Amino acid sequence: MVKIALQIKATLESIEKLYTNHPHYQWFLKLKCGSCGEVSEKFHDLTEADRVPQKHNRSETNLLIKCKLCSRENSIDVIEGSNGKFTSDDGNKFKTIVTFDCRGVEPVDFEPKSGWIAEAENNGKKFEDVDLTEKEWVDYDEKNQASVGVYELEWQFIKVK
């Protein structure tokens, strides 16, 4: 079991908090097989709320995947309670927003898509289902009469203990 954290950093304009619709957010990940090194061509989605049974034991996992090259069965779970929030105080540094428990695979790429929540500063509007597919998002907060946005979204994966 290897624990791998997904960290993000972004420039926030008049946004206090950026986070996902936990535990129903769909994480889209490209995965690398730990046995043969094969990287999936497509993104796989997993959601903490969804559970699938494992074939060889009685436990459940968020995603069960068989490597196309070596046929090894691997799994990955969202660690319960690991979802974090990226805030305006985090500045321009990476912050962990979720941690995965990886068995036989590790994530190598991430696709943010929609389902993010952005809360404007000064008790402004709460924007739901924000789409970060383009790595940026802009809107207008009528309550504070201000432009809001997320820019220069980046991510990285790190191994954690």
N, C-alpha and C. Protein backbone atom coordinates (compact mmCIF):
# COMPACT_ATOMS: atom_id res chain seq x y z
N MET A 1 0.84 -1.19 0.00
CA MET A 1 0.00 0.00 0.00
C MET A 1 0.88 1.24 0.00
N VAL A 2 0.64 2.10 -0.95
CA VAL A 2 1.35 3.36 -1.04
C VAL A 2 0.30 4.46 -0.98
N LYS A 3 0.57 5.46 -0.17
CA LYS A 3 -0.34 6.61 -0.09
C LYS A 3 0.25 7.72 -0.94
N ILE A 4 -0.58 8.20 -1.87
CA ILE A 4 -0.13 9.26 -2.77
C ILE A 4 -1.13 10.42 -2.69
N ALA A 5 -0.60 11.61 -2.43
CA ALA A 5 -1.43 12.80 -2.30
C ALA A 5 -1.44 13.58 -3.61
N LEU A 6 -2.62 14.09 -3.95
CA LEU A 6 -2.76 15.01 -5.08
C LEU A 6 -2.72 16.42 -4.50
N GLN A 7 -1.78 17.21 -4.99
CA GLN A 7 -1.65 18.59 -4.54
C GLN A 7 -1.95 19.52 -5.70
N ILE A 8 -2.57 20.66 -5.36
CA ILE A 8 -2.83 21.68 -6.38
C ILE A 8 -2.27 23.01 -5.91
N LYS A 9 -2.07 23.89 -6.89
CA LYS A 9 -1.81 25.30 -6.60
C LYS A 9 -2.46 26.09 -7.71
N ALA A 10 -2.89 27.30 -7.37
CA ALA A 10 -3.59 28.14 -8.34
C ALA A 10 -3.54 29.58 -7.86
N THR A 11 -3.80 30.48 -8.78
CA THR A 11 -3.97 31.88 -8.44
C THR A 11 -5.47 32.11 -8.30
N LEU A 12 -5.88 32.60 -7.12
CA LEU A 12 -7.30 32.84 -6.86
C LEU A 12 -7.58 34.34 -6.88
N GLU A 13 -8.62 34.72 -7.62
CA GLU A 13 -9.05 36.12 -7.66
C GLU A 13 -10.37 36.25 -6.91
N SER A 14 -10.34 36.91 -5.77
CA SER A 14 -11.52 37.15 -4.92
C SER A 14 -12.21 35.84 -4.51
N ILE A 15 -11.46 34.76 -4.47
CA ILE A 15 -11.97 33.45 -4.02
C ILE A 15 -11.27 33.12 -2.71
N GLU A 16 -12.07 32.77 -1.69
CA GLU A 16 -11.52 32.41 -0.40
C GLU A 16 -11.16 30.93 -0.31
N LYS A 17 -12.05 30.04 -0.85
CA LYS A 17 -11.83 28.60 -0.76
C LYS A 17 -12.18 27.93 -2.08
N LEU A 18 -11.40 26.92 -2.42
CA LEU A 18 -11.65 26.09 -3.60
C LEU A 18 -11.52 24.64 -3.14
N TYR A 19 -12.58 23.84 -3.39
CA TYR A 19 -12.57 22.45 -2.95
C TYR A 19 -13.54 21.64 -3.81
N THR A 20 -13.58 20.32 -3.57
CA THR A 20 -14.43 19.44 -4.37
C THR A 20 -15.71 19.09 -3.63
N ASN A 21 -16.67 18.58 -4.39
CA ASN A 21 -17.95 18.14 -3.84
C ASN A 21 -17.74 16.74 -3.23
N HIS A 22 -17.08 16.72 -2.10
CA HIS A 22 -16.71 15.48 -1.41
C HIS A 22 -17.93 14.86 -0.75
N PRO A 23 -18.17 13.56 -0.73
CA PRO A 23 -17.38 12.46 -1.29
C PRO A 23 -17.86 12.03 -2.68
N HIS A 24 -18.62 12.87 -3.36
CA HIS A 24 -19.20 12.49 -4.64
C HIS A 24 -18.41 13.01 -5.85
N TYR A 25 -17.30 13.69 -5.61
CA TYR A 25 -16.51 14.20 -6.71
C TYR A 25 -15.85 13.04 -7.46
N GLN A 26 -15.88 13.10 -8.79
CA GLN A 26 -15.23 12.08 -9.62
C GLN A 26 -13.80 12.52 -9.91
N TRP A 27 -12.85 11.76 -9.40
CA TRP A 27 -11.43 12.00 -9.65
C TRP A 27 -11.07 11.28 -10.95
N PHE A 28 -10.60 12.02 -11.95
CA PHE A 28 -10.19 11.43 -13.22
C PHE A 28 -8.66 11.34 -13.22
N LEU A 29 -8.16 10.09 -13.24
CA LEU A 29 -6.73 9.84 -13.10
C LEU A 29 -6.21 8.92 -14.19
N LYS A 30 -4.99 9.19 -14.65
CA LYS A 30 -4.25 8.22 -15.47
C LYS A 30 -3.40 7.44 -14.49
N LEU A 31 -3.37 6.11 -14.66
CA LEU A 31 -2.71 5.24 -13.70
C LEU A 31 -1.57 4.47 -14.34
N LYS A 32 -0.54 4.24 -13.53
CA LYS A 32 0.63 3.47 -13.97
C LYS A 32 0.68 2.17 -13.15
N CYS A 33 0.80 1.05 -13.84
CA CYS A 33 0.89 -0.25 -13.19
C CYS A 33 2.24 -0.37 -12.49
N GLY A 34 2.21 -0.75 -11.22
CA GLY A 34 3.44 -0.91 -10.46
C GLY A 34 4.21 -2.16 -10.82
N SER A 35 3.55 -3.10 -11.49
CA SER A 35 4.19 -4.36 -11.86
C SER A 35 4.97 -4.24 -13.17
N CYS A 36 4.32 -3.72 -14.22
CA CYS A 36 4.98 -3.69 -15.53
C CYS A 36 5.29 -2.27 -16.03
N GLY A 37 4.76 -1.24 -15.36
CA GLY A 37 5.05 0.14 -15.75
C GLY A 37 4.13 0.70 -16.81
N GLU A 38 3.15 -0.07 -17.26
CA GLU A 38 2.20 0.38 -18.29
C GLU A 38 1.37 1.56 -17.75
N VAL A 39 1.25 2.63 -18.55
CA VAL A 39 0.43 3.79 -18.19
C VAL A 39 -0.85 3.72 -19.00
N SER A 40 -1.99 3.87 -18.33
CA SER A 40 -3.28 3.80 -19.02
C SER A 40 -3.38 4.92 -20.06
N GLU A 41 -4.00 4.59 -21.20
CA GLU A 41 -4.19 5.58 -22.25
C GLU A 41 -5.30 6.55 -21.90
N LYS A 42 -6.31 6.05 -21.20
CA LYS A 42 -7.46 6.90 -20.87
C LYS A 42 -7.47 7.20 -19.37
N PHE A 43 -8.27 8.21 -19.02
CA PHE A 43 -8.44 8.56 -17.62
C PHE A 43 -9.48 7.64 -17.00
N HIS A 44 -9.21 7.18 -15.79
CA HIS A 44 -10.15 6.36 -15.03
C HIS A 44 -10.78 7.24 -13.97
N ASP A 45 -12.07 7.04 -13.71
CA ASP A 45 -12.72 7.86 -12.68
C ASP A 45 -13.03 7.02 -11.46
N LEU A 46 -12.83 7.64 -10.31
CA LEU A 46 -13.19 7.00 -9.06
C LEU A 46 -13.81 8.03 -8.14
N THR A 47 -14.73 7.56 -7.34
CA THR A 47 -15.47 8.40 -6.41
C THR A 47 -15.45 7.72 -5.06
N GLU A 48 -15.18 8.48 -4.00
CA GLU A 48 -15.12 7.88 -2.67
C GLU A 48 -16.44 7.22 -2.29
N ALA A 49 -17.56 7.78 -2.72
CA ALA A 49 -18.87 7.25 -2.36
C ALA A 49 -19.18 5.91 -3.03
N ASP A 50 -18.52 5.61 -4.15
CA ASP A 50 -18.78 4.36 -4.88
C ASP A 50 -17.82 3.27 -4.41
N ARG A 51 -18.36 2.09 -4.19
CA ARG A 51 -17.57 0.94 -3.75
C ARG A 51 -17.84 -0.24 -4.67
N VAL A 52 -16.78 -0.96 -5.02
CA VAL A 52 -16.92 -2.18 -5.82
C VAL A 52 -16.26 -3.33 -5.07
N PRO A 53 -16.84 -4.53 -5.14
CA PRO A 53 -16.24 -5.67 -4.43
C PRO A 53 -14.97 -6.15 -5.13
N GLN A 54 -14.00 -6.56 -4.32
CA GLN A 54 -12.79 -7.16 -4.86
C GLN A 54 -13.03 -8.66 -5.03
N LYS A 55 -12.44 -9.24 -6.05
CA LYS A 55 -12.72 -10.64 -6.38
C LYS A 55 -12.08 -11.64 -5.41
N HIS A 56 -10.88 -11.35 -4.94
CA HIS A 56 -10.13 -12.34 -4.17
C HIS A 56 -10.33 -12.24 -2.66
N ASN A 57 -11.00 -11.21 -2.20
CA ASN A 57 -11.30 -11.11 -0.77
C ASN A 57 -12.65 -10.42 -0.60
N ARG A 58 -13.07 -10.25 0.61
CA ARG A 58 -14.41 -9.73 0.86
C ARG A 58 -14.45 -8.21 1.01
N SER A 59 -13.36 -7.54 0.84
CA SER A 59 -13.35 -6.09 1.01
C SER A 59 -13.83 -5.39 -0.26
N GLU A 60 -14.04 -4.10 -0.13
CA GLU A 60 -14.48 -3.27 -1.26
C GLU A 60 -13.44 -2.18 -1.50
N THR A 61 -13.47 -1.63 -2.70
CA THR A 61 -12.53 -0.58 -3.08
C THR A 61 -13.25 0.44 -3.95
N ASN A 62 -12.64 1.62 -4.12
CA ASN A 62 -13.25 2.65 -4.97
C ASN A 62 -13.05 2.37 -6.46
N LEU A 63 -11.92 1.76 -6.81
CA LEU A 63 -11.66 1.43 -8.21
C LEU A 63 -10.82 0.16 -8.27
N LEU A 64 -11.31 -0.81 -9.02
CA LEU A 64 -10.60 -2.06 -9.25
C LEU A 64 -10.29 -2.10 -10.74
N ILE A 65 -9.03 -2.27 -11.08
CA ILE A 65 -8.61 -2.20 -12.47
C ILE A 65 -7.62 -3.31 -12.79
N LYS A 66 -7.76 -3.87 -13.98
CA LYS A 66 -6.85 -4.93 -14.43
C LYS A 66 -5.94 -4.32 -15.49
N CYS A 67 -4.64 -4.50 -15.33
CA CYS A 67 -3.67 -3.96 -16.28
C CYS A 67 -3.83 -4.67 -17.62
N LYS A 68 -3.90 -3.88 -18.69
CA LYS A 68 -4.06 -4.45 -20.03
C LYS A 68 -2.81 -5.21 -20.49
N LEU A 69 -1.65 -4.83 -19.98
CA LEU A 69 -0.41 -5.45 -20.43
C LEU A 69 -0.07 -6.73 -19.66
N CYS A 70 -0.08 -6.65 -18.32
CA CYS A 70 0.35 -7.82 -17.53
C CYS A 70 -0.80 -8.55 -16.83
N SER A 71 -2.02 -8.02 -16.95
CA SER A 71 -3.23 -8.62 -16.38
C SER A 71 -3.28 -8.61 -14.85
N ARG A 72 -2.40 -7.86 -14.21
CA ARG A 72 -2.42 -7.77 -12.75
C ARG A 72 -3.64 -6.95 -12.31
N GLU A 73 -4.29 -7.41 -11.26
CA GLU A 73 -5.45 -6.69 -10.72
C GLU A 73 -4.95 -5.71 -9.65
N ASN A 74 -5.29 -4.44 -9.82
CA ASN A 74 -4.85 -3.38 -8.93
C ASN A 74 -6.05 -2.60 -8.42
N SER A 75 -5.85 -1.86 -7.33
CA SER A 75 -6.97 -1.06 -6.81
C SER A 75 -6.45 0.25 -6.24
N ILE A 76 -7.39 1.20 -6.13
CA ILE A 76 -7.07 2.52 -5.58
C ILE A 76 -8.30 3.03 -4.83
N ASP A 77 -8.05 3.62 -3.67
CA ASP A 77 -9.12 4.18 -2.84
C ASP A 77 -8.82 5.62 -2.48
N VAL A 78 -9.89 6.40 -2.32
CA VAL A 78 -9.76 7.73 -1.74
C VAL A 78 -9.74 7.51 -0.23
N ILE A 79 -8.74 8.02 0.45
CA ILE A 79 -8.67 7.86 1.90
C ILE A 79 -9.73 8.75 2.53
N GLU A 80 -10.60 8.13 3.29
CA GLU A 80 -11.73 8.84 3.91
C GLU A 80 -11.23 10.00 4.76
N GLY A 81 -11.87 11.15 4.57
CA GLY A 81 -11.53 12.35 5.35
C GLY A 81 -10.27 13.06 4.89
N SER A 82 -9.70 12.65 3.75
CA SER A 82 -8.44 13.27 3.30
C SER A 82 -8.66 14.50 2.41
N ASN A 83 -9.92 14.81 2.11
CA ASN A 83 -10.17 15.95 1.22
C ASN A 83 -9.87 17.27 1.91
N GLY A 84 -9.04 18.08 1.26
CA GLY A 84 -8.68 19.38 1.80
C GLY A 84 -9.24 20.50 0.95
N LYS A 85 -8.98 21.72 1.40
CA LYS A 85 -9.44 22.92 0.68
C LYS A 85 -8.22 23.78 0.36
N PHE A 86 -8.21 24.30 -0.86
CA PHE A 86 -7.18 25.26 -1.25
C PHE A 86 -7.76 26.64 -0.94
N THR A 87 -7.04 27.43 -0.17
CA THR A 87 -7.57 28.74 0.25
C THR A 87 -6.68 29.87 -0.25
N SER A 88 -7.21 31.08 -0.13
CA SER A 88 -6.46 32.26 -0.54
C SER A 88 -5.19 32.42 0.30
N ASP A 89 -5.16 31.87 1.51
CA ASP A 89 -3.98 31.95 2.38
C ASP A 89 -2.86 31.02 1.92
N ASP A 90 -3.17 30.05 1.06
CA ASP A 90 -2.17 29.10 0.61
C ASP A 90 -1.20 29.69 -0.41
N GLY A 91 -1.54 30.87 -0.92
CA GLY A 91 -0.63 31.55 -1.83
C GLY A 91 -0.27 30.72 -3.04
N ASN A 92 0.97 30.81 -3.44
CA ASN A 92 1.42 30.13 -4.65
C ASN A 92 2.23 28.89 -4.31
N LYS A 93 1.72 28.07 -3.38
CA LYS A 93 2.40 26.83 -3.05
C LYS A 93 1.43 25.67 -3.13
N PHE A 94 1.97 24.49 -3.38
CA PHE A 94 1.13 23.30 -3.52
C PHE A 94 0.53 22.90 -2.18
N LYS A 95 -0.75 22.47 -2.23
CA LYS A 95 -1.45 22.01 -1.03
C LYS A 95 -2.20 20.72 -1.37
N THR A 96 -2.15 19.75 -0.45
CA THR A 96 -2.84 18.48 -0.64
C THR A 96 -4.34 18.68 -0.57
N ILE A 97 -5.05 18.16 -1.59
CA ILE A 97 -6.52 18.24 -1.57
C ILE A 97 -7.17 16.87 -1.46
N VAL A 98 -6.40 15.80 -1.69
CA VAL A 98 -6.92 14.44 -1.50
C VAL A 98 -5.74 13.47 -1.45
N THR A 99 -5.93 12.36 -0.74
CA THR A 99 -4.90 11.33 -0.67
C THR A 99 -5.51 10.00 -1.09
N PHE A 100 -4.76 9.27 -1.90
CA PHE A 100 -5.20 7.98 -2.41
C PHE A 100 -4.38 6.85 -1.78
N ASP A 101 -5.04 5.73 -1.51
CA ASP A 101 -4.40 4.52 -1.04
C ASP A 101 -4.26 3.62 -2.27
N CYS A 102 -3.05 3.43 -2.73
CA CYS A 102 -2.80 2.75 -4.00
C CYS A 102 -2.22 1.36 -3.77
N ARG A 103 -2.82 0.37 -4.43
CA ARG A 103 -2.35 -1.01 -4.35
C ARG A 103 -2.07 -1.51 -5.76
N GLY A 104 -0.79 -1.45 -6.16
CA GLY A 104 -0.40 -1.95 -7.47
C GLY A 104 -0.41 -0.92 -8.58
N VAL A 105 -0.97 0.26 -8.32
CA VAL A 105 -0.98 1.34 -9.32
C VAL A 105 -0.63 2.64 -8.62
N GLU A 106 -0.24 3.62 -9.44
CA GLU A 106 -0.09 4.97 -8.90
C GLU A 106 -0.55 5.97 -9.94
N PRO A 107 -1.19 7.06 -9.48
CA PRO A 107 -1.64 8.07 -10.43
C PRO A 107 -0.46 8.85 -11.00
N VAL A 108 -0.54 9.14 -12.30
CA VAL A 108 0.52 9.90 -12.96
C VAL A 108 -0.01 11.17 -13.62
N ASP A 109 -1.33 11.28 -13.77
CA ASP A 109 -1.91 12.50 -14.33
C ASP A 109 -3.33 12.65 -13.79
N PHE A 110 -3.81 13.89 -13.81
CA PHE A 110 -5.10 14.25 -13.25
C PHE A 110 -5.82 15.16 -14.23
N GLU A 111 -7.12 15.00 -14.33
CA GLU A 111 -7.96 15.87 -15.15
C GLU A 111 -9.04 16.44 -14.24
N PRO A 112 -9.01 17.76 -13.96
CA PRO A 112 -9.90 18.33 -12.95
C PRO A 112 -11.39 18.33 -13.26
N LYS A 113 -11.81 18.56 -14.47
CA LYS A 113 -13.23 18.56 -14.87
C LYS A 113 -14.11 19.45 -13.99
N SER A 114 -15.42 19.13 -13.94
CA SER A 114 -16.36 19.95 -13.17
C SER A 114 -16.66 19.32 -11.82
N GLY A 115 -17.41 20.03 -10.98
CA GLY A 115 -17.76 19.52 -9.67
C GLY A 115 -17.03 20.21 -8.53
N TRP A 116 -16.28 21.26 -8.84
CA TRP A 116 -15.56 22.01 -7.82
C TRP A 116 -16.49 23.05 -7.20
N ILE A 117 -16.15 23.48 -6.01
CA ILE A 117 -16.90 24.53 -5.31
C ILE A 117 -15.93 25.66 -5.01
N ALA A 118 -16.32 26.88 -5.37
CA ALA A 118 -15.50 28.06 -5.11
C ALA A 118 -16.33 29.05 -4.29
N GLU A 119 -15.80 29.43 -3.14
CA GLU A 119 -16.49 30.39 -2.27
C GLU A 119 -15.79 31.73 -2.38
N ALA A 120 -16.57 32.77 -2.73
CA ALA A 120 -16.02 34.11 -2.89
C ALA A 120 -15.64 34.70 -1.52
N GLU A 121 -14.71 35.64 -1.54
CA GLU A 121 -14.29 36.33 -0.32
C GLU A 121 -15.42 37.19 0.24
N ASN A 122 -15.26 37.61 1.49
CA ASN A 122 -16.20 38.53 2.17
C ASN A 122 -17.63 37.98 2.18
N ASN A 123 -17.76 36.69 2.50
CA ASN A 123 -19.07 36.03 2.53
C ASN A 123 -19.84 36.20 1.23
N GLY A 124 -19.11 36.19 0.14
CA GLY A 124 -19.72 36.34 -1.18
C GLY A 124 -20.41 35.06 -1.63
N LYS A 125 -20.70 35.02 -2.90
CA LYS A 125 -21.44 33.91 -3.48
C LYS A 125 -20.64 32.60 -3.41
N LYS A 126 -21.37 31.50 -3.26
CA LYS A 126 -20.79 30.16 -3.30
C LYS A 126 -21.11 29.60 -4.69
N PHE A 127 -20.09 29.39 -5.49
CA PHE A 127 -20.25 28.87 -6.85
C PHE A 127 -20.12 27.35 -6.81
N GLU A 128 -21.17 26.65 -7.24
CA GLU A 128 -21.16 25.19 -7.22
C GLU A 128 -20.97 24.67 -8.65
N ASP A 129 -20.44 23.48 -8.78
CA ASP A 129 -20.19 22.82 -10.05
C ASP A 129 -19.28 23.64 -10.98
N VAL A 130 -18.22 24.18 -10.39
CA VAL A 130 -17.21 24.92 -11.15
C VAL A 130 -16.45 23.94 -12.03
N ASP A 131 -16.26 24.31 -13.29
CA ASP A 131 -15.56 23.46 -14.25
C ASP A 131 -14.13 23.95 -14.44
N LEU A 132 -13.15 23.14 -14.04
CA LEU A 132 -11.74 23.51 -14.15
C LEU A 132 -11.03 22.73 -15.25
N THR A 133 -11.79 22.21 -16.21
CA THR A 133 -11.21 21.44 -17.32
C THR A 133 -10.14 22.25 -18.05
N GLU A 134 -10.38 23.54 -18.22
CA GLU A 134 -9.44 24.41 -18.95
C GLU A 134 -8.34 24.96 -18.05
N LYS A 135 -8.28 24.50 -16.79
CA LYS A 135 -7.29 24.94 -15.79
C LYS A 135 -7.49 26.39 -15.37
N GLU A 136 -8.64 26.95 -15.72
CA GLU A 136 -9.02 28.27 -15.23
C GLU A 136 -10.53 28.42 -15.31
N TRP A 137 -11.03 29.38 -14.54
CA TRP A 137 -12.48 29.62 -14.47
C TRP A 137 -12.69 31.06 -14.03
N VAL A 138 -13.68 31.72 -14.63
CA VAL A 138 -14.02 33.09 -14.25
C VAL A 138 -15.53 33.23 -14.14
N ASP A 139 -15.96 34.13 -13.27
CA ASP A 139 -17.38 34.41 -13.08
C ASP A 139 -17.50 35.78 -12.42
N TYR A 140 -18.72 36.10 -11.98
CA TYR A 140 -18.95 37.40 -11.34
C TYR A 140 -19.76 37.18 -10.07
N ASP A 141 -19.30 37.78 -8.97
CA ASP A 141 -19.98 37.70 -7.69
C ASP A 141 -20.85 38.95 -7.54
N GLU A 142 -22.16 38.78 -7.76
CA GLU A 142 -23.07 39.92 -7.68
C GLU A 142 -23.13 40.51 -6.28
N LYS A 143 -23.04 39.65 -5.27
CA LYS A 143 -23.13 40.11 -3.88
C LYS A 143 -22.04 41.12 -3.54
N ASN A 144 -20.81 40.83 -3.97
CA ASN A 144 -19.67 41.73 -3.70
C ASN A 144 -19.34 42.63 -4.89
N GLN A 145 -20.08 42.47 -5.97
CA GLN A 145 -19.85 43.22 -7.21
C GLN A 145 -18.37 43.15 -7.61
N ALA A 146 -17.90 41.90 -7.74
CA ALA A 146 -16.49 41.68 -8.06
C ALA A 146 -16.33 40.50 -9.01
N SER A 147 -15.32 40.59 -9.83
CA SER A 147 -14.95 39.48 -10.70
C SER A 147 -14.24 38.43 -9.84
N VAL A 148 -14.53 37.17 -10.11
CA VAL A 148 -13.88 36.08 -9.38
C VAL A 148 -13.27 35.11 -10.38
N GLY A 149 -12.23 34.41 -9.94
CA GLY A 149 -11.62 33.47 -10.87
C GLY A 149 -10.58 32.58 -10.24
N VAL A 150 -10.28 31.51 -10.96
CA VAL A 150 -9.21 30.58 -10.63
C VAL A 150 -8.33 30.51 -11.87
N TYR A 151 -7.04 30.77 -11.70
CA TYR A 151 -6.12 30.82 -12.83
C TYR A 151 -4.88 29.97 -12.54
N GLU A 152 -4.19 29.59 -13.61
CA GLU A 152 -2.89 28.91 -13.53
C GLU A 152 -2.95 27.68 -12.63
N LEU A 153 -4.01 26.88 -12.77
CA LEU A 153 -4.15 25.66 -11.98
C LEU A 153 -3.06 24.66 -12.36
N GLU A 154 -2.35 24.17 -11.37
CA GLU A 154 -1.32 23.14 -11.56
C GLU A 154 -1.53 22.06 -10.52
N TRP A 155 -0.97 20.87 -10.78
CA TRP A 155 -1.07 19.79 -9.80
C TRP A 155 0.17 18.92 -9.85
N GLN A 156 0.34 18.17 -8.77
CA GLN A 156 1.43 17.20 -8.68
C GLN A 156 1.01 16.10 -7.72
N PHE A 157 1.68 14.96 -7.85
CA PHE A 157 1.44 13.83 -6.96
C PHE A 157 2.69 13.65 -6.11
N ILE A 158 2.48 13.40 -4.80
CA ILE A 158 3.62 13.11 -3.93
C ILE A 158 3.30 11.90 -3.06
N LYS A 159 4.32 11.11 -2.75
CA LYS A 159 4.13 9.98 -1.83
C LYS A 159 4.14 10.52 -0.41
N VAL A 160 3.20 10.01 0.40
CA VAL A 160 3.11 10.45 1.80
C VAL A 160 3.15 9.22 2.70
N LYS A 161 3.45 9.47 3.97
CA LYS A 161 3.51 8.36 4.95
C LYS A 161 2.20 8.18 5.65
